[in-house]
Amino acid sequence: MTAHQFNKIATYRNPAELRARLLELNIDLPCDDEIQTTAGGSPLAAPIQIGDFQVGNRWCIHPMEGWDGNTDGTPSDKTFRRWRHFGESGAKLIWGGEAAAVQHSGRANPHQLLATPDHVTGLQQLLRELTTAHVEKFGSVEDLLVGLQLTHSGRFCRPNNQDLEPRIAYHHPLLDDKYGIDPQDNSVLWTDDELETLIDSYVQAAQTAEQAGFRFVDVKSCHGYLLHEFLSATNRAGNYGGDFAGRTRLLKTIISRIHDACPNLQILVRLSFFDTIPFHQGALCGEPVDFQSSLPYQYGFGCDRQDPTQINLTEPIQLATDLKALGVTALNLSCGSPYYNPHLQRPAAFPPSDGYQPPHDPLFDVVKQIQAVRECKAAVPDIPLVGTGYSYLQDYLPHVAQAVIRAGWVDMVGLGRMVLSYWNLPADTLQTGTMQRKLICRTFSDCTTAPRNALASGCYPLDPYYKQSAEAGTLKERKKK
């Protein structure tokens, strides 16, 4: 299938037309006819137990990098605005809200928040903004669970400007070539001794989050960032690579150390549950880079070594089992990376500036994620799972979300870019069973294109705050180029 041979979601006039398209594609995905409300018994309205906390419903807000903090790692007015919207959304699980770096050198951009010990006050203020907004709209925070995502960006560190300052787990032949890393330069590799210091930074960041009032931390292990990359470090020597035990040791050690230092703090993990080959722009649409010389493929987690375009969930399911045994109280399952296979990680009709036209109907990638979560749920039923990739469903997001939760495929549904344009979606659907169509994210990808051009992430097409900003004009000019 070439690019453009699929209908945009907005062209489907009702759930029956979307179901017909799913049937045509031979895709197994339930989609209800009507949006159910809380009063109507919506599966999305049911509470769920996460650790020792009862969360009030099944909507979750994903953590995001806003590119809108101050350069000193504190939140700006834009950051406060986004978090206020998270509080107003009606979702009862705020999964990190933000990706906060555990070290300055590990920031993905110069405006990323920091979770170092001298940033307690800013994080307290951010949390207060969110909870105050929630109380003003819903009356209480007794069933609202809020945490902070802890991250190190690894291969994608840009702490000072737009230039990469990578620190990597191992030399990946395809990604080294894509991002201009000398395969002979071992100065960019973490040593085992340096990782001991990094573990200390994660522990200090968790203590910072706890002091600021967060109830949990998410040890981010997704999207090509450092802890995700270690999961595929097959060709790395030492304690933190090689076999499955070695490749998962860093993540598990960080979790254990945080448990020891903060016994009252819940630990959750957002995990890229499977990878695929890096993609690039082909003649018509995105294509995998040539990987034949890299077979058997040892550079992905959760993909088949003989055919890395295919999923193999043996190790990811084992990791999910191990994390539950370590005391992790919930998992948020994503996949791949927005840097080198965005069509898979964030299905969209319109690519970001550093992306490519979809290689097939994005519905395939939405369902690929949903089915992987379903498989994990069947294998590890006793740990709550949050699903990802639903925003592409647009008008029919709640129709599918309530159907898959009712079917037991997933426990909660997460929203990322959707809440940048339509932060009231959870409340509207649960209270009235309707959506404000003019606010629905259409996956224009400006929220990604803007950060790729050193601008704040926001919904420039639909949110008047960003649409009327000076950055909107800058973004338009840069997109033309």
Protein backbone atom coordinates (compact mmCIF):
# COMPACT_ATOMS: atom_id res chain seq x y z
CA MET A 1 0.00 0.00 0.00
CA THR A 2 1.33 3.39 -0.94
CA ALA A 3 0.76 6.54 1.06
CA HIS A 4 -2.67 8.17 0.84
CA GLN A 5 -4.58 4.93 0.13
CA PHE A 6 -6.60 5.16 3.31
CA ASN A 7 -9.47 7.27 4.52
CA LYS A 8 -9.01 9.80 7.28
CA ILE A 9 -10.92 8.88 10.43
CA ALA A 10 -13.04 12.03 10.16
CA THR A 11 -14.57 10.66 6.94
CA TYR A 12 -16.22 7.74 8.74
CA ARG A 13 -19.69 8.98 9.58
CA ASN A 14 -20.49 6.49 12.34
CA PRO A 15 -19.01 3.49 14.21
CA ALA A 16 -20.54 1.08 11.69
CA GLU A 17 -18.45 2.60 8.88
CA LEU A 18 -15.30 2.30 10.96
CA ARG A 19 -16.15 -1.33 11.77
CA ALA A 20 -16.63 -1.99 8.06
CA ARG A 21 -13.14 -0.63 7.38
CA LEU A 22 -11.68 -2.79 10.17
CA LEU A 23 -13.38 -5.82 8.64
CA GLU A 24 -12.00 -4.91 5.22
CA LEU A 25 -8.50 -4.79 6.72
CA ASN A 26 -9.10 -8.06 8.60
CA ILE A 27 -8.44 -6.25 11.90
CA ASP A 28 -9.91 -7.48 15.17
CA LEU A 29 -10.99 -4.42 17.14
CA PRO A 30 -14.32 -3.92 18.94
CA CYS A 31 -16.08 -0.57 18.55
CA ASP A 32 -19.32 0.28 20.38
CA ASP A 33 -22.18 2.17 18.74
CA GLU A 34 -22.69 4.66 21.57
CA ILE A 35 -20.55 6.40 24.18
CA GLN A 36 -21.69 5.26 27.59
CA THR A 37 -21.82 7.68 30.53
CA THR A 38 -21.12 7.07 34.19
CA ALA A 39 -24.87 6.89 34.82
CA GLY A 40 -25.18 4.49 31.89
CA GLY A 41 -22.65 2.05 33.30
CA SER A 42 -19.61 2.96 31.22
CA PRO A 43 -16.69 0.55 31.74
CA LEU A 44 -14.51 3.68 31.68
CA ALA A 45 -16.23 4.94 34.84
CA ALA A 46 -15.35 1.92 36.96
CA PRO A 47 -12.75 2.43 39.71
CA ILE A 48 -9.55 0.37 39.71
CA GLN A 49 -7.05 -0.53 42.41
CA ILE A 50 -3.42 0.42 41.77
CA GLY A 51 -1.27 -0.62 44.68
CA ASP A 52 -2.87 0.70 47.83
CA PHE A 53 -4.86 3.39 45.98
CA GLN A 54 -8.30 3.20 44.37
CA VAL A 55 -8.28 5.23 41.15
CA GLY A 56 -11.66 6.73 40.30
CA ASN A 57 -12.01 5.78 36.60
CA ARG A 58 -10.22 4.16 33.67
CA TRP A 59 -8.95 7.30 31.89
CA CYS A 60 -5.23 8.06 32.13
CA ILE A 61 -3.15 11.06 30.98
CA HIS A 62 0.21 10.04 29.53
CA PRO A 63 3.44 11.85 30.43
CA MET A 64 4.73 14.22 27.76
CA GLU A 65 7.71 16.44 27.05
CA GLY A 66 6.31 19.94 26.70
CA TRP A 67 9.48 21.76 25.64
CA ASP A 68 7.96 24.57 27.68
CA GLY A 69 9.80 24.61 30.99
CA ASN A 70 12.40 27.17 31.95
CA THR A 71 16.02 26.50 31.10
CA ASP A 72 16.78 26.01 34.81
CA GLY A 73 14.43 23.00 34.86
CA THR A 74 11.49 24.71 36.60
CA PRO A 75 7.95 24.89 35.18
CA SER A 76 6.86 27.93 33.15
CA ASP A 77 3.41 29.44 32.71
CA LYS A 78 2.88 27.12 29.72
CA THR A 79 3.74 24.11 31.87
CA PHE A 80 1.33 25.21 34.60
CA ARG A 81 -1.39 25.67 31.97
CA ARG A 82 -0.97 22.13 30.65
CA TRP A 83 -1.04 20.64 34.14
CA ARG A 84 -4.11 22.67 35.04
CA HIS A 85 -5.81 21.12 32.03
CA PHE A 86 -4.76 17.65 33.17
CA GLY A 87 -6.51 18.36 36.47
CA GLU A 88 -9.62 19.59 34.69
CA SER A 89 -9.72 16.62 32.31
CA GLY A 90 -11.61 14.22 34.53
CA ALA A 91 -9.00 11.48 34.13
CA LYS A 92 -8.20 9.92 37.49
CA LEU A 93 -4.69 8.64 36.74
CA ILE A 94 -2.10 11.23 35.78
CA TRP A 95 0.79 9.04 34.69
CA GLY A 96 3.74 11.26 35.35
CA GLY A 97 2.17 14.28 33.67
CA GLU A 98 5.65 15.17 32.48
CA ALA A 99 8.95 13.50 31.66
CA ALA A 100 11.37 14.98 34.22
CA ALA A 101 15.10 14.34 33.80
CA VAL A 102 17.12 12.87 36.65
CA GLN A 103 20.27 14.74 35.52
CA HIS A 104 20.79 17.94 33.54
CA SER A 105 22.90 16.03 31.02
CA GLY A 106 20.02 13.58 30.49
CA ARG A 107 17.48 16.18 29.32
CA ALA A 108 15.85 15.62 25.92
CA ASN A 109 15.71 19.38 25.39
CA PRO A 110 16.92 22.54 27.15
CA HIS A 111 13.39 23.23 28.45
CA GLN A 112 12.70 19.84 30.00
CA LEU A 113 11.77 19.74 33.67
CA LEU A 114 14.33 18.45 36.16
CA ALA A 115 13.67 16.18 39.13
CA THR A 116 16.92 16.87 40.96
CA PRO A 117 16.89 17.64 44.72
CA ASP A 118 16.93 21.42 44.20
CA HIS A 119 13.67 21.30 42.18
CA VAL A 120 11.24 20.24 44.90
CA THR A 121 9.51 23.63 45.09
CA GLY A 122 8.72 23.89 41.38
CA LEU A 123 7.36 20.35 41.30
CA GLN A 124 5.22 21.07 44.37
CA GLN A 125 3.75 24.10 42.65
CA LEU A 126 3.03 22.09 39.52
CA LEU A 127 1.26 19.36 41.47
CA ARG A 128 -0.73 21.97 43.39
CA GLU A 129 -1.87 23.58 40.12
CA LEU A 130 -3.22 20.25 38.90
CA THR A 131 -4.92 19.17 42.12
CA THR A 132 -6.48 22.59 42.73
CA ALA A 133 -8.00 22.53 39.23
CA HIS A 134 -9.34 19.04 39.88
CA VAL A 135 -10.94 20.03 43.19
CA GLU A 136 -12.51 23.14 41.68
CA LYS A 137 -14.16 21.07 38.94
CA PHE A 138 -14.85 17.74 40.64
CA GLY A 139 -14.85 18.54 44.37
CA SER A 140 -12.21 16.11 45.62
CA VAL A 141 -8.90 14.42 44.88
CA GLU A 142 -9.58 11.33 46.99
CA ASP A 143 -9.62 9.11 43.89
CA LEU A 144 -7.00 11.02 41.85
CA LEU A 145 -3.58 9.36 41.55
CA VAL A 146 -0.74 11.59 40.31
CA GLY A 147 2.90 10.68 39.78
CA LEU A 148 6.04 11.95 38.07
CA GLN A 149 7.91 10.29 35.23
CA LEU A 150 11.68 10.00 35.70
CA THR A 151 13.85 9.85 32.61
CA HIS A 152 17.29 9.97 31.06
CA SER A 153 17.24 10.53 27.32
CA GLY A 154 20.35 8.54 26.48
CA ARG A 155 20.89 8.54 22.72
CA PHE A 156 18.57 11.55 22.39
CA CYS A 157 20.03 13.94 24.96
CA ARG A 158 19.89 17.62 23.95
CA PRO A 159 20.41 19.39 27.28
CA ASN A 160 21.89 22.63 25.95
CA ASN A 161 20.61 23.27 22.40
CA GLN A 162 19.41 21.38 19.32
CA ASP A 163 22.64 19.41 19.06
CA LEU A 164 22.65 15.79 20.19
CA GLU A 165 24.88 14.99 23.15
CA PRO A 166 24.30 11.24 23.21
CA ARG A 167 25.12 8.81 26.00
CA ILE A 168 24.29 5.33 24.78
CA ALA A 169 24.03 1.81 26.11
CA TYR A 170 25.72 0.28 23.08
CA HIS A 171 26.57 0.98 19.46
CA HIS A 172 23.49 0.30 17.34
CA PRO A 173 24.68 0.06 13.72
CA LEU A 174 21.49 1.47 12.17
CA LEU A 175 20.89 4.24 14.70
CA ASP A 176 24.56 5.23 14.88
CA ASP A 177 24.44 5.75 11.13
CA LYS A 178 21.11 7.59 11.25
CA TYR A 179 22.23 10.03 13.97
CA GLY A 180 25.87 10.51 13.02
CA ILE A 181 27.48 8.64 15.90
CA ASP A 182 30.95 7.27 15.17
CA PRO A 183 30.74 3.50 15.76
CA GLN A 184 34.34 3.58 16.99
CA ASP A 185 33.71 6.34 19.54
CA ASN A 186 33.40 4.62 22.89
CA SER A 187 33.41 7.88 24.84
CA VAL A 188 29.63 8.07 24.34
CA LEU A 189 29.12 4.66 25.99
CA TRP A 190 28.14 4.38 29.64
CA THR A 191 30.61 2.44 31.74
CA ASP A 192 29.32 0.17 34.48
CA ASP A 193 30.90 2.48 37.07
CA GLU A 194 29.11 5.52 35.61
CA LEU A 195 25.83 3.63 35.79
CA GLU A 196 26.21 3.33 39.56
CA THR A 197 26.13 7.14 39.73
CA LEU A 198 23.12 7.20 37.40
CA ILE A 199 21.26 4.81 39.71
CA ASP A 200 21.94 7.25 42.57
CA SER A 201 20.43 10.03 40.44
CA TYR A 202 17.23 8.03 39.93
CA VAL A 203 16.96 7.42 43.67
CA GLN A 204 17.48 11.12 44.43
CA ALA A 205 14.88 12.04 41.79
CA ALA A 206 12.37 9.64 43.37
CA GLN A 207 13.02 11.19 46.77
CA THR A 208 12.51 14.62 45.21
CA ALA A 209 9.16 13.53 43.72
CA GLU A 210 8.06 12.11 47.06
CA GLN A 211 9.00 15.33 48.88
CA ALA A 212 7.00 17.29 46.31
CA GLY A 213 3.92 15.22 47.14
CA PHE A 214 3.67 12.77 44.23
CA ARG A 215 2.27 9.35 45.12
CA PHE A 216 4.30 7.43 42.54
CA VAL A 217 7.18 7.65 40.11
CA ASP A 218 7.35 6.15 36.66
CA VAL A 219 10.78 4.77 35.77
CA LYS A 220 10.57 5.56 32.05
CA SER A 221 11.68 2.65 29.84
CA CYS A 222 10.28 3.51 26.45
CA HIS A 223 10.65 5.35 23.13
CA GLY A 224 14.36 4.80 22.52
CA TYR A 225 15.50 6.59 25.66
CA LEU A 226 18.22 5.17 27.89
CA LEU A 227 16.50 2.50 29.96
CA HIS A 228 14.60 1.27 26.91
CA GLU A 229 17.83 1.04 24.93
CA PHE A 230 19.44 -1.12 27.61
CA LEU A 231 16.71 -3.73 27.07
CA SER A 232 18.24 -4.52 23.67
CA ALA A 233 21.92 -4.21 24.69
CA THR A 234 22.73 -7.74 23.57
CA ASN A 235 26.19 -6.81 22.33
CA ARG A 236 27.16 -4.94 25.51
CA ALA A 237 29.72 -6.53 27.84
CA GLY A 238 29.62 -6.26 31.63
CA ASN A 239 26.83 -6.39 34.20
CA TYR A 240 24.24 -4.46 32.18
CA GLY A 241 24.11 -6.22 28.83
CA GLY A 242 24.22 -9.55 27.07
CA ASP A 243 21.54 -11.97 28.20
CA PHE A 244 18.04 -11.08 29.41
CA ALA A 245 19.14 -10.87 33.04
CA GLY A 246 21.95 -8.45 32.15
CA ARG A 247 19.86 -6.29 29.82
CA THR A 248 17.10 -5.84 32.41
CA ARG A 249 19.46 -5.42 35.40
CA LEU A 250 19.73 -1.62 35.26
CA LEU A 251 15.95 -1.10 35.27
CA LYS A 252 15.42 -3.66 38.02
CA THR A 253 18.25 -2.25 40.15
CA ILE A 254 16.84 1.28 39.91
CA ILE A 255 13.42 -0.01 40.96
CA SER A 256 14.83 -1.96 43.91
CA ARG A 257 16.92 0.97 45.08
CA ILE A 258 13.93 3.34 44.91
CA HIS A 259 11.86 0.84 46.89
CA ASP A 260 14.53 0.77 49.58
CA ALA A 261 14.85 4.56 49.76
CA CYS A 262 11.12 5.39 49.40
CA PRO A 263 9.08 2.46 50.76
CA ASN A 264 5.84 4.46 50.73
CA LEU A 265 6.20 5.58 47.10
CA GLN A 266 4.58 3.49 44.40
CA ILE A 267 6.69 2.62 41.34
CA LEU A 268 5.14 2.32 37.88
CA VAL A 269 6.86 1.71 34.55
CA ARG A 270 6.06 2.99 31.07
CA LEU A 271 7.56 0.41 28.74
CA SER A 272 8.08 0.15 25.00
CA PHE A 273 6.72 -3.37 24.79
CA PHE A 274 8.10 -4.08 21.31
CA ASP A 275 10.35 -2.48 18.70
CA THR A 276 10.76 -2.62 14.97
CA ILE A 277 13.37 -1.51 12.43
CA PRO A 278 14.16 2.23 12.16
CA PHE A 279 12.28 3.82 9.25
CA HIS A 280 13.10 6.61 6.83
CA GLN A 281 11.29 8.46 4.03
CA GLY A 282 11.10 6.32 0.90
CA ALA A 283 9.93 7.28 -2.57
CA LEU A 284 6.28 7.47 -1.50
CA CYS A 285 6.09 6.74 2.21
CA GLY A 286 8.04 5.49 5.19
CA GLU A 287 10.21 2.44 4.62
CA PRO A 288 12.44 0.39 6.94
CA VAL A 289 16.13 1.07 6.51
CA ASP A 290 18.16 -1.76 5.01
CA PHE A 291 18.73 -4.24 7.82
CA GLN A 292 19.78 -7.38 5.94
CA SER A 293 23.43 -7.00 6.93
CA SER A 294 22.35 -6.82 10.59
CA LEU A 295 20.65 -10.22 10.70
CA PRO A 296 20.14 -11.97 13.03
CA TYR A 297 18.85 -8.72 14.49
CA GLN A 298 20.02 -8.15 18.07
CA TYR A 299 19.13 -4.47 18.38
CA GLY A 300 15.44 -4.51 19.28
CA PHE A 301 13.38 -5.53 22.30
CA GLY A 302 10.30 -7.60 21.57
CA CYS A 303 10.97 -8.18 17.88
CA ASP A 304 11.91 -11.35 16.01
CA ARG A 305 15.63 -11.70 15.42
CA GLN A 306 15.22 -13.38 12.04
CA ASP A 307 12.54 -10.92 10.86
CA PRO A 308 12.65 -7.80 13.05
CA THR A 309 9.58 -6.35 11.33
CA GLN A 310 7.62 -8.97 13.30
CA ILE A 311 6.80 -8.95 17.02
CA ASN A 312 8.09 -11.52 19.52
CA LEU A 313 6.68 -10.83 22.99
CA THR A 314 8.48 -13.61 24.86
CA GLU A 315 10.96 -11.31 26.61
CA PRO A 316 8.54 -8.39 27.14
CA ILE A 317 6.04 -10.68 28.86
CA GLN A 318 8.83 -12.10 31.02
CA LEU A 319 9.86 -8.56 31.96
CA ALA A 320 6.26 -7.66 32.84
CA THR A 321 6.14 -10.73 35.08
CA ASP A 322 9.44 -9.78 36.73
CA LEU A 323 8.40 -6.17 37.29
CA LYS A 324 5.20 -7.27 39.01
CA ALA A 325 7.27 -9.51 41.29
CA LEU A 326 9.52 -6.52 42.08
CA GLY A 327 6.52 -4.56 43.35
CA VAL A 328 5.76 -2.42 40.28
CA THR A 329 2.06 -1.64 40.65
CA ALA A 330 1.07 -0.82 37.05
CA LEU A 331 2.51 -0.80 33.53
CA ASN A 332 1.86 1.64 30.69
CA LEU A 333 2.63 -0.15 27.43
CA SER A 334 3.81 1.77 24.39
CA CYS A 335 6.18 0.70 21.60
CA GLY A 336 9.06 1.78 19.41
CA SER A 337 10.29 5.37 19.29
CA PRO A 338 8.94 8.69 17.98
CA TYR A 339 12.42 9.40 16.63
CA TYR A 340 12.95 6.44 14.31
CA ASN A 341 9.56 4.77 13.78
CA PRO A 342 6.88 7.37 14.66
CA HIS A 343 4.20 5.70 12.52
CA LEU A 344 4.30 2.74 14.90
CA GLN A 345 4.61 4.60 18.20
CA ARG A 346 2.24 7.46 17.37
CA PRO A 347 -0.05 6.56 14.42
CA ALA A 348 -1.00 9.69 12.48
CA ALA A 349 -2.54 10.76 9.20
CA PHE A 350 -0.10 13.66 8.89
CA PRO A 351 3.60 13.11 9.69
CA PRO A 352 5.80 15.38 11.82
CA SER A 353 8.52 17.35 10.08
CA ASP A 354 11.14 14.66 10.73
CA GLY A 355 8.75 11.83 9.83
CA TYR A 356 7.36 10.30 6.67
CA GLN A 357 4.03 9.46 5.08
CA PRO A 358 2.34 6.45 6.71
CA PRO A 359 3.44 3.19 5.05
CA HIS A 360 -0.10 1.78 5.40
CA ASP A 361 -3.41 2.62 7.01
CA PRO A 362 -2.49 3.84 10.53
CA LEU A 363 -5.29 1.65 11.90
CA PHE A 364 -2.89 -1.28 11.54
CA ASP A 365 -0.49 0.30 14.04
CA VAL A 366 -3.24 1.31 16.46
CA VAL A 367 -4.42 -2.28 16.57
CA LYS A 368 -0.90 -3.69 16.74
CA GLN A 369 -0.43 -1.86 20.04
CA ILE A 370 -3.86 -2.80 21.37
CA GLN A 371 -3.34 -6.48 20.53
CA ALA A 372 0.12 -6.54 22.16
CA VAL A 373 -1.41 -5.16 25.36
CA ARG A 374 -4.17 -7.76 25.10
CA GLU A 375 -1.54 -10.51 24.91
CA CYS A 376 0.27 -9.11 27.94
CA LYS A 377 -2.99 -8.90 29.88
CA ALA A 378 -3.72 -12.55 29.17
CA ALA A 379 -0.22 -13.58 30.28
CA VAL A 380 0.11 -11.30 33.34
CA PRO A 381 -3.48 -10.69 34.45
CA ASP A 382 -2.80 -9.37 37.95
CA ILE A 383 -1.01 -6.11 37.10
CA PRO A 384 -3.02 -3.12 35.82
CA LEU A 385 -2.16 -2.16 32.23
CA VAL A 386 -2.63 1.19 30.49
CA GLY A 387 -2.97 1.14 26.71
CA THR A 388 -1.45 3.63 24.25
CA GLY A 389 -1.99 4.76 20.65
CA TYR A 390 -5.72 5.52 20.85
CA SER A 391 -5.64 9.18 19.78
CA TYR A 392 -5.61 8.24 16.08
CA LEU A 393 -9.14 6.83 16.56
CA GLN A 394 -10.35 10.42 17.07
CA ASP A 395 -14.19 10.51 16.99
CA TYR A 396 -14.34 6.83 17.91
CA LEU A 397 -11.70 6.77 20.61
CA PRO A 398 -14.21 6.35 23.48
CA HIS A 399 -16.26 3.82 21.49
CA VAL A 400 -13.21 1.57 21.19
CA ALA A 401 -11.84 2.38 24.66
CA GLN A 402 -14.96 1.27 26.51
CA ALA A 403 -15.26 -1.84 24.30
CA VAL A 404 -11.72 -3.09 24.92
CA ILE A 405 -11.97 -2.43 28.66
CA ARG A 406 -15.27 -4.31 28.82
CA ALA A 407 -13.64 -7.19 26.92
CA GLY A 408 -10.76 -7.30 29.43
CA TRP A 409 -8.06 -6.52 26.86
CA VAL A 410 -6.71 -3.61 28.92
CA ASP A 411 -7.46 -1.96 32.26
CA MET A 412 -7.11 1.75 31.43
CA VAL A 413 -6.82 3.88 28.29
CA GLY A 414 -4.23 6.64 28.10
CA LEU A 415 -4.45 9.97 26.30
CA GLY A 416 -1.42 11.96 25.15
CA ARG A 417 -1.59 14.42 22.24
CA MET A 418 -5.41 14.28 22.36
CA VAL A 419 -5.47 16.25 25.64
CA LEU A 420 -3.41 19.05 24.11
CA SER A 421 -6.44 19.98 22.00
CA TYR A 422 -9.30 18.39 23.95
CA TRP A 423 -8.41 18.11 27.62
CA ASN A 424 -12.05 17.78 28.69
CA LEU A 425 -12.61 14.56 26.71
CA PRO A 426 -12.75 12.21 29.75
CA ALA A 427 -15.21 14.42 31.62
CA ASP A 428 -17.39 15.08 28.57
CA THR A 429 -17.70 11.43 27.61
CA LEU A 430 -18.41 10.22 31.14
CA GLN A 431 -20.85 13.01 31.98
CA THR A 432 -22.76 13.48 28.72
CA GLY A 433 -21.71 10.69 26.35
CA THR A 434 -20.75 13.27 23.73
CA MET A 435 -17.60 14.83 22.27
CA GLN A 436 -16.91 18.35 21.02
CA ARG A 437 -15.96 17.50 17.47
CA LYS A 438 -14.14 20.75 16.74
CA LEU A 439 -11.64 19.98 19.54
CA ILE A 440 -10.75 16.42 18.54
CA CYS A 441 -7.08 15.87 17.68
CA ARG A 442 -6.74 15.09 13.96
CA THR A 443 -3.09 13.98 14.29
CA PHE A 444 -1.68 16.96 12.40
CA SER A 445 1.55 16.31 14.37
CA ASP A 446 2.33 19.98 15.04
CA CYS A 447 2.74 19.03 18.70
CA THR A 448 5.75 17.00 17.52
CA THR A 449 6.94 19.23 14.68
CA ALA A 450 7.15 22.23 17.02
CA PRO A 451 9.64 20.60 19.44
CA ARG A 452 11.63 19.30 16.49
CA ASN A 453 12.07 22.99 15.65
CA ALA A 454 12.90 24.10 19.22
CA LEU A 455 9.37 25.39 19.94
CA ALA A 456 6.97 24.49 22.75
CA SER A 457 4.73 21.49 22.20
CA GLY A 458 1.05 22.35 21.92
CA CYS A 459 -1.92 22.01 19.58
CA TYR A 460 -1.27 24.83 17.13
CA PRO A 461 -4.21 24.00 14.82
CA LEU A 462 -6.97 23.72 17.47
CA ASP A 463 -5.94 25.38 20.74
CA PRO A 464 -6.42 29.18 20.41
CA TYR A 465 -3.65 29.76 22.97
CA TYR A 466 -1.10 28.27 20.57
CA LYS A 467 -2.89 29.10 17.32
CA GLN A 468 -2.65 32.83 18.10
CA SER A 469 0.88 32.73 19.52
CA ALA A 470 4.02 34.13 17.95
CA GLU A 471 5.38 30.59 17.79
CA ALA A 472 2.55 29.63 15.41
CA GLY A 473 3.95 31.93 12.75
CA THR A 474 7.45 30.62 13.31
CA LEU A 475 6.22 27.05 13.06
CA LYS A 476 4.40 27.78 9.81
CA GLU A 477 7.54 29.22 8.24
CA ARG A 478 9.70 26.33 9.37
CA LYS A 479 7.21 23.79 8.03
CA LYS A 480 7.40 25.49 4.61
CA LYS A 481 11.14 24.95 4.61
